[in-house]
Amino acid sequence: MFSSYDSLDNDDLTLLRQVLEDVCLEKGIQLGGDEARKIARELVNWYLFGVKHPDQLKDMLKPLVP
């Protein structure tokens, strides 16, 4: 797991939420479920690592989301 001391602002959270919703909708994953939480954690980790574009974030999730 990647850890960072960076903080996320409202714009960051909005972008991450939209990516999460898109991925969950596309893959039929319940937004409040365990799998969605796992995806959300990975999204935040990649975002803090420097992957900021929604399409790139979705690409990084492909190995996790069949």
Protein backbone atom coordinates (compact mmCIF):
# COMPACT_ATOMS: atom_id res chain seq x y z
CA MET A 1 0.00 0.00 0.00
CA PHE A 2 1.24 3.47 -0.85
CA SER A 3 1.15 6.04 1.90
CA SER A 4 1.45 9.77 1.53
CA TYR A 5 1.15 12.86 3.64
CA ASP A 6 -0.65 14.66 0.83
CA SER A 7 -4.23 15.65 1.42
CA LEU A 8 -7.15 15.48 -0.96
CA ASP A 9 -9.34 18.50 -1.61
CA ASN A 10 -12.96 18.56 -2.79
CA ASP A 11 -11.98 18.55 -6.47
CA ASP A 12 -9.78 15.50 -5.92
CA LEU A 13 -12.55 13.67 -4.09
CA THR A 14 -15.08 14.57 -6.77
CA LEU A 15 -12.82 13.17 -9.49
CA LEU A 16 -12.11 10.00 -7.52
CA ARG A 17 -15.79 9.50 -6.74
CA GLN A 18 -16.70 9.85 -10.41
CA VAL A 19 -14.07 7.31 -11.46
CA LEU A 20 -15.29 4.92 -8.75
CA GLU A 21 -18.90 5.32 -9.83
CA ASP A 22 -17.99 4.81 -13.50
CA VAL A 23 -16.00 1.65 -12.79
CA CYS A 24 -18.64 0.20 -10.49
CA LEU A 25 -21.44 0.92 -12.95
CA GLU A 26 -19.48 -0.54 -15.86
CA LYS A 27 -18.59 -3.71 -13.94
CA GLY A 28 -21.87 -4.15 -12.06
CA ILE A 29 -20.27 -3.63 -8.66
CA GLN A 30 -22.41 -2.37 -5.78
CA LEU A 31 -21.08 1.03 -4.77
CA GLY A 32 -21.28 0.42 -1.02
CA GLY A 33 -19.85 -3.10 -1.10
CA ASP A 34 -16.49 -4.54 -0.12
CA GLU A 35 -15.24 -4.69 -3.70
CA ALA A 36 -16.05 -1.00 -4.23
CA ARG A 37 -14.17 -0.11 -1.05
CA LYS A 38 -11.14 -2.04 -2.29
CA ILE A 39 -11.30 -0.19 -5.60
CA ALA A 40 -11.67 3.15 -3.79
CA ARG A 41 -8.54 2.46 -1.72
CA GLU A 42 -6.58 1.64 -4.85
CA LEU A 43 -7.87 4.76 -6.58
CA VAL A 44 -6.69 6.96 -3.73
CA ASN A 45 -3.33 5.22 -3.62
CA TRP A 46 -2.75 5.69 -7.36
CA TYR A 47 -3.97 9.29 -7.20
CA LEU A 48 -1.58 10.14 -4.38
CA PHE A 49 1.18 8.37 -6.29
CA GLY A 50 0.61 10.85 -9.13
CA VAL A 51 -1.86 9.21 -11.49
CA LYS A 52 -4.37 12.05 -11.88
CA HIS A 53 -6.22 11.51 -15.18
CA PRO A 54 -9.50 9.56 -14.93
CA ASP A 55 -8.70 7.32 -17.90
CA GLN A 56 -5.28 6.50 -16.49
CA LEU A 57 -6.82 5.70 -13.12
CA LYS A 58 -9.31 3.36 -14.79
CA ASP A 59 -6.44 1.67 -16.64
CA MET A 60 -4.59 1.13 -13.36
CA LEU A 61 -7.66 -0.64 -11.96
CA LYS A 62 -8.03 -3.11 -14.83
CA PRO A 63 -5.99 -5.86 -13.12
CA LEU A 64 -8.22 -5.55 -10.02
CA VAL A 65 -11.59 -5.41 -11.74
CA PRO A 66 -12.30 -8.31 -14.09
